[in-house]
């Protein structure tokens, strides 16, 4: 939305929290950050 990327995932009751990024590179880095 408006050139931002965001996600929030949940599995087995464990939630990543909601995260929003201004670039694809930051979005991908966020996915990799345990």
ModelCIF file with pLDDT and N, C-alpha, C, O atoms, coordinates in Angstrom:
data_MODEL
#
_entry.id   MODEL 
#
_entity.id                         1 
_entity.type                       polymer 
_entity.pdbx_number_of_molecules   1 
#
_entity_poly.entity_id                      1 
_entity_poly.type                           'polypeptide(L)' 
_entity_poly.nstd_linkage                   no 
_entity_poly.nstd_monomer                   no 
_entity_poly.pdbx_seq_one_letter_code       
;(UNK)(UNK)(UNK)(UNK)(UNK)(UNK)(UNK)(UNK)(UNK)(UNK)(UNK)(UNK)(UNK)(UNK)(UNK)(UNK)
(UNK)(UNK)(UNK)(UNK)(UNK)(UNK)(UNK)(UNK)(UNK)(UNK)(UNK)(UNK)(UNK)(UNK)(UNK)(UNK)
(UNK)(UNK)
;
_entity_poly.pdbx_seq_one_letter_code_can   XXXXXXXXXXXXXXXXXXXXXXXXXXXXXXXXXX 
_entity_poly.pdbx_strand_id                 A 
#
loop_
_entity_poly_seq.entity_id 
_entity_poly_seq.num 
_entity_poly_seq.mon_id 
_entity_poly_seq.hetero 
1 1  UNK n 
1 2  UNK n 
1 3  UNK n 
1 4  UNK n 
1 5  UNK n 
1 6  UNK n 
1 7  UNK n 
1 8  UNK n 
1 9  UNK n 
1 10 UNK n 
1 11 UNK n 
1 12 UNK n 
1 13 UNK n 
1 14 UNK n 
1 15 UNK n 
1 16 UNK n 
1 17 UNK n 
1 18 UNK n 
1 19 UNK n 
1 20 UNK n 
1 21 UNK n 
1 22 UNK n 
1 23 UNK n 
1 24 UNK n 
1 25 UNK n 
1 26 UNK n 
1 27 UNK n 
1 28 UNK n 
1 29 UNK n 
1 30 UNK n 
1 31 UNK n 
1 32 UNK n 
1 33 UNK n 
1 34 UNK n 
#
_struct_asym.id          A 
_struct_asym.entity_id   1 
#
loop_
_ma_qa_metric.id 
_ma_qa_metric.mode 
_ma_qa_metric.name 
_ma_qa_metric.software_group_id 
_ma_qa_metric.type 
1 global pLDDT . pLDDT 
2 local  pLDDT . pLDDT 
#
_ma_qa_metric_global.metric_id      1 
_ma_qa_metric_global.metric_value   83.47 
_ma_qa_metric_global.model_id       1 
_ma_qa_metric_global.ordinal_id     1 
#
loop_
_ma_qa_metric_local.label_asym_id 
_ma_qa_metric_local.label_comp_id 
_ma_qa_metric_local.label_seq_id 
_ma_qa_metric_local.metric_id 
_ma_qa_metric_local.metric_value 
_ma_qa_metric_local.model_id 
_ma_qa_metric_local.ordinal_id 
A UNK 1  2 47.00 1 1  
A UNK 2  2 50.00 1 2  
A UNK 3  2 66.00 1 3  
A UNK 4  2 82.00 1 4  
A UNK 5  2 88.00 1 5  
A UNK 6  2 90.00 1 6  
A UNK 7  2 92.00 1 7  
A UNK 8  2 92.00 1 8  
A UNK 9  2 90.00 1 9  
A UNK 10 2 87.00 1 10 
A UNK 11 2 81.00 1 11 
A UNK 12 2 78.00 1 12 
A UNK 13 2 79.00 1 13 
A UNK 14 2 85.00 1 14 
A UNK 15 2 88.00 1 15 
A UNK 16 2 88.00 1 16 
A UNK 17 2 90.00 1 17 
A UNK 18 2 92.00 1 18 
A UNK 19 2 92.00 1 19 
A UNK 20 2 92.00 1 20 
A UNK 21 2 90.00 1 21 
A UNK 22 2 89.00 1 22 
A UNK 23 2 86.00 1 23 
A UNK 24 2 85.00 1 24 
A UNK 25 2 83.00 1 25 
A UNK 26 2 87.00 1 26 
A UNK 27 2 87.00 1 27 
A UNK 28 2 86.00 1 28 
A UNK 29 2 84.00 1 29 
A UNK 30 2 86.00 1 30 
A UNK 31 2 86.00 1 31 
A UNK 32 2 80.00 1 32 
A UNK 33 2 82.00 1 33 
A UNK 34 2 78.00 1 34 
#
loop_
_atom_site.group_PDB 
_atom_site.id 
_atom_site.type_symbol 
_atom_site.label_atom_id 
_atom_site.label_alt_id 
_atom_site.label_comp_id 
_atom_site.label_asym_id 
_atom_site.label_entity_id 
_atom_site.label_seq_id 
_atom_site.pdbx_PDB_ins_code 
_atom_site.Cartn_x 
_atom_site.Cartn_y 
_atom_site.Cartn_z 
_atom_site.occupancy 
_atom_site.B_iso_or_equiv 
_atom_site.pdbx_formal_charge 
_atom_site.auth_seq_id 
_atom_site.auth_comp_id 
_atom_site.auth_asym_id 
_atom_site.auth_atom_id 
_atom_site.pdbx_PDB_model_num 
ATOM 1   N N  . UNK A 1 1  ? 0.851  -1.183  0.000  1.00 47.00 ? 1  UNK A N  1 
ATOM 2   C CA . UNK A 1 1  ? 0.000  0.000   0.000  1.00 47.00 ? 1  UNK A CA 1 
ATOM 3   C C  . UNK A 1 1  ? 0.889  1.236   0.000  1.00 47.00 ? 1  UNK A C  1 
ATOM 4   O O  . UNK A 1 1  ? 1.761  1.385   0.856  1.00 47.00 ? 1  UNK A O  1 
ATOM 5   N N  . UNK A 1 2  ? 0.660  2.123   -0.972 1.00 50.00 ? 2  UNK A N  1 
ATOM 6   C CA . UNK A 1 2  ? 1.441  3.365   -1.068 1.00 50.00 ? 2  UNK A CA 1 
ATOM 7   C C  . UNK A 1 2  ? 2.950  3.087   -1.044 1.00 50.00 ? 2  UNK A C  1 
ATOM 8   O O  . UNK A 1 2  ? 3.703  3.735   -0.317 1.00 50.00 ? 2  UNK A O  1 
ATOM 9   N N  . UNK A 1 3  ? 3.371  2.115   -1.853 1.00 66.00 ? 3  UNK A N  1 
ATOM 10  C CA . UNK A 1 3  ? 4.781  1.784   -2.009 1.00 66.00 ? 3  UNK A CA 1 
ATOM 11  C C  . UNK A 1 3  ? 5.409  1.220   -0.736 1.00 66.00 ? 3  UNK A C  1 
ATOM 12  O O  . UNK A 1 3  ? 6.629  1.261   -0.574 1.00 66.00 ? 3  UNK A O  1 
ATOM 13  N N  . UNK A 1 4  ? 4.592  0.701   0.155  1.00 82.00 ? 4  UNK A N  1 
ATOM 14  C CA . UNK A 1 4  ? 5.125  0.026   1.346  1.00 82.00 ? 4  UNK A CA 1 
ATOM 15  C C  . UNK A 1 4  ? 4.760  -1.446  1.285  1.00 82.00 ? 4  UNK A C  1 
ATOM 16  O O  . UNK A 1 4  ? 3.787  -1.832  0.638  1.00 82.00 ? 4  UNK A O  1 
ATOM 17  N N  . UNK A 1 5  ? 5.545  -2.257  1.961  1.00 88.00 ? 5  UNK A N  1 
ATOM 18  C CA . UNK A 1 5  ? 5.299  -3.687  2.064  1.00 88.00 ? 5  UNK A CA 1 
ATOM 19  C C  . UNK A 1 5  ? 5.162  -4.038  3.533  1.00 88.00 ? 5  UNK A C  1 
ATOM 20  O O  . UNK A 1 5  ? 5.923  -3.543  4.364  1.00 88.00 ? 5  UNK A O  1 
ATOM 21  N N  . UNK A 1 6  ? 4.200  -4.888  3.862  1.00 90.00 ? 6  UNK A N  1 
ATOM 22  C CA . UNK A 1 6  ? 3.991  -5.268  5.257  1.00 90.00 ? 6  UNK A CA 1 
ATOM 23  C C  . UNK A 1 6  ? 3.586  -6.733  5.353  1.00 90.00 ? 6  UNK A C  1 
ATOM 24  O O  . UNK A 1 6  ? 3.118  -7.332  4.384  1.00 90.00 ? 6  UNK A O  1 
ATOM 25  N N  . UNK A 1 7  ? 3.772  -7.283  6.517  1.00 92.00 ? 7  UNK A N  1 
ATOM 26  C CA . UNK A 1 7  ? 3.324  -8.658  6.775  1.00 92.00 ? 7  UNK A CA 1 
ATOM 27  C C  . UNK A 1 7  ? 3.097  -8.848  8.262  1.00 92.00 ? 7  UNK A C  1 
ATOM 28  O O  . UNK A 1 7  ? 3.616  -8.104  9.095  1.00 92.00 ? 7  UNK A O  1 
ATOM 29  N N  . UNK A 1 8  ? 2.315  -9.855  8.568  1.00 92.00 ? 8  UNK A N  1 
ATOM 30  C CA . UNK A 1 8  ? 2.124  -10.363 9.925  1.00 92.00 ? 8  UNK A CA 1 
ATOM 31  C C  . UNK A 1 8  ? 1.752  -11.836 9.795  1.00 92.00 ? 8  UNK A C  1 
ATOM 32  O O  . UNK A 1 8  ? 0.746  -12.170 9.169  1.00 92.00 ? 8  UNK A O  1 
ATOM 33  N N  . UNK A 1 9  ? 2.554  -12.713 10.379 1.00 90.00 ? 9  UNK A N  1 
ATOM 34  C CA . UNK A 1 9  ? 2.314  -14.146 10.281 1.00 90.00 ? 9  UNK A CA 1 
ATOM 35  C C  . UNK A 1 9  ? 2.107  -14.741 11.667 1.00 90.00 ? 9  UNK A C  1 
ATOM 36  O O  . UNK A 1 9  ? 2.647  -14.252 12.660 1.00 90.00 ? 9  UNK A O  1 
ATOM 37  N N  . UNK A 1 10 ? 1.314  -15.805 11.711 1.00 87.00 ? 10 UNK A N  1 
ATOM 38  C CA . UNK A 1 10 ? 1.099  -16.533 12.962 1.00 87.00 ? 10 UNK A CA 1 
ATOM 39  C C  . UNK A 1 10 ? 1.083  -18.027 12.677 1.00 87.00 ? 10 UNK A C  1 
ATOM 40  O O  . UNK A 1 10 ? 0.468  -18.479 11.710 1.00 87.00 ? 10 UNK A O  1 
ATOM 41  N N  . UNK A 1 11 ? 1.767  -18.792 13.530 1.00 81.00 ? 11 UNK A N  1 
ATOM 42  C CA . UNK A 1 11 ? 1.797  -20.247 13.385 1.00 81.00 ? 11 UNK A CA 1 
ATOM 43  C C  . UNK A 1 11 ? 1.879  -20.869 14.772 1.00 81.00 ? 11 UNK A C  1 
ATOM 44  O O  . UNK A 1 11 ? 2.736  -20.498 15.575 1.00 81.00 ? 11 UNK A O  1 
ATOM 45  N N  . UNK A 1 12 ? 0.995  -21.809 15.052 1.00 78.00 ? 12 UNK A N  1 
ATOM 46  C CA . UNK A 1 12 ? 0.960  -22.485 16.354 1.00 78.00 ? 12 UNK A CA 1 
ATOM 47  C C  . UNK A 1 12 ? 0.878  -21.498 17.518 1.00 78.00 ? 12 UNK A C  1 
ATOM 48  O O  . UNK A 1 12 ? 1.481  -21.709 18.570 1.00 78.00 ? 12 UNK A O  1 
ATOM 49  N N  . UNK A 1 13 ? 0.117  -20.411 17.311 1.00 79.00 ? 13 UNK A N  1 
ATOM 50  C CA . UNK A 1 13 ? -0.066 -19.433 18.372 1.00 79.00 ? 13 UNK A CA 1 
ATOM 51  C C  . UNK A 1 13 ? 1.085  -18.472 18.541 1.00 79.00 ? 13 UNK A C  1 
ATOM 52  O O  . UNK A 1 13 ? 1.047  -17.621 19.430 1.00 79.00 ? 13 UNK A O  1 
ATOM 53  N N  . UNK A 1 14 ? 2.123  -18.581 17.702 1.00 85.00 ? 14 UNK A N  1 
ATOM 54  C CA . UNK A 1 14 ? 3.306  -17.713 17.786 1.00 85.00 ? 14 UNK A CA 1 
ATOM 55  C C  . UNK A 1 14 ? 3.199  -16.660 16.683 1.00 85.00 ? 14 UNK A C  1 
ATOM 56  O O  . UNK A 1 14 ? 3.173  -17.006 15.501 1.00 85.00 ? 14 UNK A O  1 
ATOM 57  N N  . UNK A 1 15 ? 3.137  -15.373 17.058 1.00 88.00 ? 15 UNK A N  1 
ATOM 58  C CA . UNK A 1 15 ? 2.870  -14.289 16.115 1.00 88.00 ? 15 UNK A CA 1 
ATOM 59  C C  . UNK A 1 15 ? 4.111  -13.430 15.909 1.00 88.00 ? 15 UNK A C  1 
ATOM 60  O O  . UNK A 1 15 ? 4.783  -13.056 16.870 1.00 88.00 ? 15 UNK A O  1 
ATOM 61  N N  . UNK A 1 16 ? 4.409  -13.121 14.653 1.00 88.00 ? 16 UNK A N  1 
ATOM 62  C CA . UNK A 1 16 ? 5.586  -12.313 14.328 1.00 88.00 ? 16 UNK A CA 1 
ATOM 63  C C  . UNK A 1 16 ? 5.422  -10.855 14.710 1.00 88.00 ? 16 UNK A C  1 
ATOM 64  O O  . UNK A 1 16 ? 6.406  -10.130 14.854 1.00 88.00 ? 16 UNK A O  1 
ATOM 65  N N  . UNK A 1 17 ? 4.170  -10.424 14.875 1.00 90.00 ? 17 UNK A N  1 
ATOM 66  C CA . UNK A 1 17 ? 3.886  -9.005  14.987 1.00 90.00 ? 17 UNK A CA 1 
ATOM 67  C C  . UNK A 1 17 ? 3.734  -8.398  13.606 1.00 90.00 ? 17 UNK A C  1 
ATOM 68  O O  . UNK A 1 17 ? 4.134  -9.009  12.615 1.00 90.00 ? 17 UNK A O  1 
ATOM 69  N N  . UNK A 1 18 ? 3.174  -7.226  13.526 1.00 92.00 ? 18 UNK A N  1 
ATOM 70  C CA . UNK A 1 18 ? 2.963  -6.549  12.248 1.00 92.00 ? 18 UNK A CA 1 
ATOM 71  C C  . UNK A 1 18 ? 4.168  -5.663  11.926 1.00 92.00 ? 18 UNK A C  1 
ATOM 72  O O  . UNK A 1 18 ? 4.599  -4.858  12.751 1.00 92.00 ? 18 UNK A O  1 
ATOM 73  N N  . UNK A 1 19 ? 4.707  -5.825  10.704 1.00 92.00 ? 19 UNK A N  1 
ATOM 74  C CA . UNK A 1 19 ? 5.886  -5.069  10.292 1.00 92.00 ? 19 UNK A CA 1 
ATOM 75  C C  . UNK A 1 19 ? 5.652  -4.446  8.919  1.00 92.00 ? 19 UNK A C  1 
ATOM 76  O O  . UNK A 1 19 ? 5.117  -5.093  8.018  1.00 92.00 ? 19 UNK A O  1 
ATOM 77  N N  . UNK A 1 20 ? 6.053  -3.196  8.768  1.00 92.00 ? 20 UNK A N  1 
ATOM 78  C CA . UNK A 1 20 ? 5.882  -2.462  7.514  1.00 92.00 ? 20 UNK A CA 1 
ATOM 79  C C  . UNK A 1 20 ? 7.234  -1.917  7.058  1.00 92.00 ? 20 UNK A C  1 
ATOM 80  O O  . UNK A 1 20 ? 8.026  -1.439  7.870  1.00 92.00 ? 20 UNK A O  1 
ATOM 81  N N  . UNK A 1 21 ? 7.490  -1.995  5.746  1.00 90.00 ? 21 UNK A N  1 
ATOM 82  C CA . UNK A 1 21 ? 8.792  -1.602  5.197  1.00 90.00 ? 21 UNK A CA 1 
ATOM 83  C C  . UNK A 1 21 ? 8.589  -0.698  3.980  1.00 90.00 ? 21 UNK A C  1 
ATOM 84  O O  . UNK A 1 21 ? 7.579  -0.792  3.281  1.00 90.00 ? 21 UNK A O  1 
ATOM 85  N N  . UNK A 1 22 ? 9.557  0.168   3.742  1.00 89.00 ? 22 UNK A N  1 
ATOM 86  C CA . UNK A 1 22 ? 9.469  1.122   2.634  1.00 89.00 ? 22 UNK A CA 1 
ATOM 87  C C  . UNK A 1 22 ? 10.128 0.617   1.352  1.00 89.00 ? 22 UNK A C  1 
ATOM 88  O O  . UNK A 1 22 ? 10.047 1.280   0.318  1.00 89.00 ? 22 UNK A O  1 
ATOM 89  N N  . UNK A 1 23 ? 10.774 -0.540  1.405  1.00 86.00 ? 23 UNK A N  1 
ATOM 90  C CA . UNK A 1 23 ? 11.424 -1.078  0.210  1.00 86.00 ? 23 UNK A CA 1 
ATOM 91  C C  . UNK A 1 23 ? 11.403 -2.597  0.256  1.00 86.00 ? 23 UNK A C  1 
ATOM 92  O O  . UNK A 1 23 ? 11.244 -3.206  1.314  1.00 86.00 ? 23 UNK A O  1 
ATOM 93  N N  . UNK A 1 24 ? 11.565 -3.190  -0.913 1.00 85.00 ? 24 UNK A N  1 
ATOM 94  C CA . UNK A 1 24 ? 11.611 -4.646  -0.991 1.00 85.00 ? 24 UNK A CA 1 
ATOM 95  C C  . UNK A 1 24 ? 12.821 -5.189  -0.245 1.00 85.00 ? 24 UNK A C  1 
ATOM 96  O O  . UNK A 1 24 ? 12.730 -6.232  0.402  1.00 85.00 ? 24 UNK A O  1 
ATOM 97  N N  . UNK A 1 25 ? 13.958 -4.493  -0.327 1.00 83.00 ? 25 UNK A N  1 
ATOM 98  C CA . UNK A 1 25 ? 15.158 -4.963  0.360  1.00 83.00 ? 25 UNK A CA 1 
ATOM 99  C C  . UNK A 1 25 ? 14.942 -5.011  1.868  1.00 83.00 ? 25 UNK A C  1 
ATOM 100 O O  . UNK A 1 25 ? 15.345 -5.967  2.530  1.00 83.00 ? 25 UNK A O  1 
ATOM 101 N N  . UNK A 1 26 ? 14.301 -3.970  2.410  1.00 87.00 ? 26 UNK A N  1 
ATOM 102 C CA . UNK A 1 26 ? 14.034 -3.937  3.847  1.00 87.00 ? 26 UNK A CA 1 
ATOM 103 C C  . UNK A 1 26 ? 13.016 -5.010  4.232  1.00 87.00 ? 26 UNK A C  1 
ATOM 104 O O  . UNK A 1 26 ? 13.128 -5.634  5.287  1.00 87.00 ? 26 UNK A O  1 
ATOM 105 N N  . UNK A 1 27 ? 12.018 -5.217  3.362  1.00 87.00 ? 27 UNK A N  1 
ATOM 106 C CA . UNK A 1 27 ? 11.011 -6.259  3.585  1.00 87.00 ? 27 UNK A CA 1 
ATOM 107 C C  . UNK A 1 27 ? 11.669 -7.639  3.656  1.00 87.00 ? 27 UNK A C  1 
ATOM 108 O O  . UNK A 1 27 ? 11.355 -8.431  4.544  1.00 87.00 ? 27 UNK A O  1 
ATOM 109 N N  . UNK A 1 28 ? 12.570 -7.924  2.735  1.00 86.00 ? 28 UNK A N  1 
ATOM 110 C CA . UNK A 1 28 ? 13.242 -9.220  2.697  1.00 86.00 ? 28 UNK A CA 1 
ATOM 111 C C  . UNK A 1 28 ? 14.161 -9.395  3.905  1.00 86.00 ? 28 UNK A C  1 
ATOM 112 O O  . UNK A 1 28 ? 14.240 -10.478 4.485  1.00 86.00 ? 28 UNK A O  1 
ATOM 113 N N  . UNK A 1 29 ? 14.852 -8.318  4.275  1.00 84.00 ? 29 UNK A N  1 
ATOM 114 C CA . UNK A 1 29 ? 15.688 -8.382  5.470  1.00 84.00 ? 29 UNK A CA 1 
ATOM 115 C C  . UNK A 1 29 ? 14.843 -8.653  6.708  1.00 84.00 ? 29 UNK A C  1 
ATOM 116 O O  . UNK A 1 29 ? 15.257 -9.382  7.609  1.00 84.00 ? 29 UNK A O  1 
ATOM 117 N N  . UNK A 1 30 ? 13.646 -8.053  6.742  1.00 86.00 ? 30 UNK A N  1 
ATOM 118 C CA . UNK A 1 30 ? 12.746 -8.281  7.871  1.00 86.00 ? 30 UNK A CA 1 
ATOM 119 C C  . UNK A 1 30 ? 12.312 -9.718  7.979  1.00 86.00 ? 30 UNK A C  1 
ATOM 120 O O  . UNK A 1 30 ? 12.245 -10.262 9.082  1.00 86.00 ? 30 UNK A O  1 
ATOM 121 N N  . UNK A 1 31 ? 12.012 -10.352 6.853  1.00 86.00 ? 31 UNK A N  1 
ATOM 122 C CA . UNK A 1 31 ? 11.623 -11.761 6.859  1.00 86.00 ? 31 UNK A CA 1 
ATOM 123 C C  . UNK A 1 31 ? 12.740 -12.654 7.388  1.00 86.00 ? 31 UNK A C  1 
ATOM 124 O O  . UNK A 1 31 ? 12.477 -13.685 8.008  1.00 86.00 ? 31 UNK A O  1 
ATOM 125 N N  . UNK A 1 32 ? 13.977 -12.259 7.141  1.00 80.00 ? 32 UNK A N  1 
ATOM 126 C CA . UNK A 1 32 ? 15.133 -13.055 7.550  1.00 80.00 ? 32 UNK A CA 1 
ATOM 127 C C  . UNK A 1 32 ? 15.512 -12.846 9.019  1.00 80.00 ? 32 UNK A C  1 
ATOM 128 O O  . UNK A 1 32 ? 16.286 -13.622 9.578  1.00 80.00 ? 32 UNK A O  1 
ATOM 129 N N  . UNK A 1 33 ? 14.978 -11.816 9.628  1.00 82.00 ? 33 UNK A N  1 
ATOM 130 C CA . UNK A 1 33 ? 15.377 -11.441 10.984 1.00 82.00 ? 33 UNK A CA 1 
ATOM 131 C C  . UNK A 1 33 ? 14.569 -12.222 12.010 1.00 82.00 ? 33 UNK A C  1 
ATOM 132 O O  . UNK A 1 33 ? 13.409 -11.905 12.274 1.00 82.00 ? 33 UNK A O  1 
ATOM 133 N N  . UNK A 1 34 ? 15.198 -13.257 12.590 1.00 78.00 ? 34 UNK A N  1 
ATOM 134 C CA . UNK A 1 34 ? 14.482 -14.107 13.536 1.00 78.00 ? 34 UNK A CA 1 
ATOM 135 C C  . UNK A 1 34 ? 14.147 -13.361 14.822 1.00 78.00 ? 34 UNK A C  1 
ATOM 136 O O  . UNK A 1 34 ? 13.542 -13.935 15.728 1.00 78.00 ? 34 UNK A O  1 
#
